[in-house]
Amino acid sequence: FGKVISFEEQNEIIKGFTYIPFEGRVNLKKPEHKFFVLETDDYGSQNGLPPVVQKTVFFGREVGAADRHLLPTYQLKSRKYIGPTAMDCEMAFLMANQGLARTGKLVYDPFVGTGSILVAAAHFGAMTMILI
């Protein structure tokens, strides 16, 4: 975290992956695939002690990303009613997504409160239910 890698070092890391047979042209503005290189740091000198973490390089492709354009629509400050325990919309969307809220599913929240989780589930098309 916070380590600066020079442009030359970045190029050397990229050249280390030349064995991967990439095809086609590179489009940095609208890429079809995003690839990432993650590198652990050995933190330099350990005063003669063995390194805490062995330096490792990981290469991966992005397989999913968040729908961040939804968040401003459902932010707490844009709601007509908000309570002291209202859940942040990002957390509610995570919970609804992990709960597989989809069209044709029923979501019941026994501790509904201000309805943050039910709003997120309804956005994904689920039917929502509360007990009155």
Foldseek 3Di string as FASTA:
>chain_A
DPDDDDPVRVVVVVVVPPVDDDDDDDDPVDDPKDKDKDWDDQPPDPPPDHGPDDIDIDIDIDDDDDPVVCQVVLAPVPDPDDDPPDDGLVVLLVVLVVVVQAAPAEDEDAPCVVNSNVVNSVVRRHHYDYDD
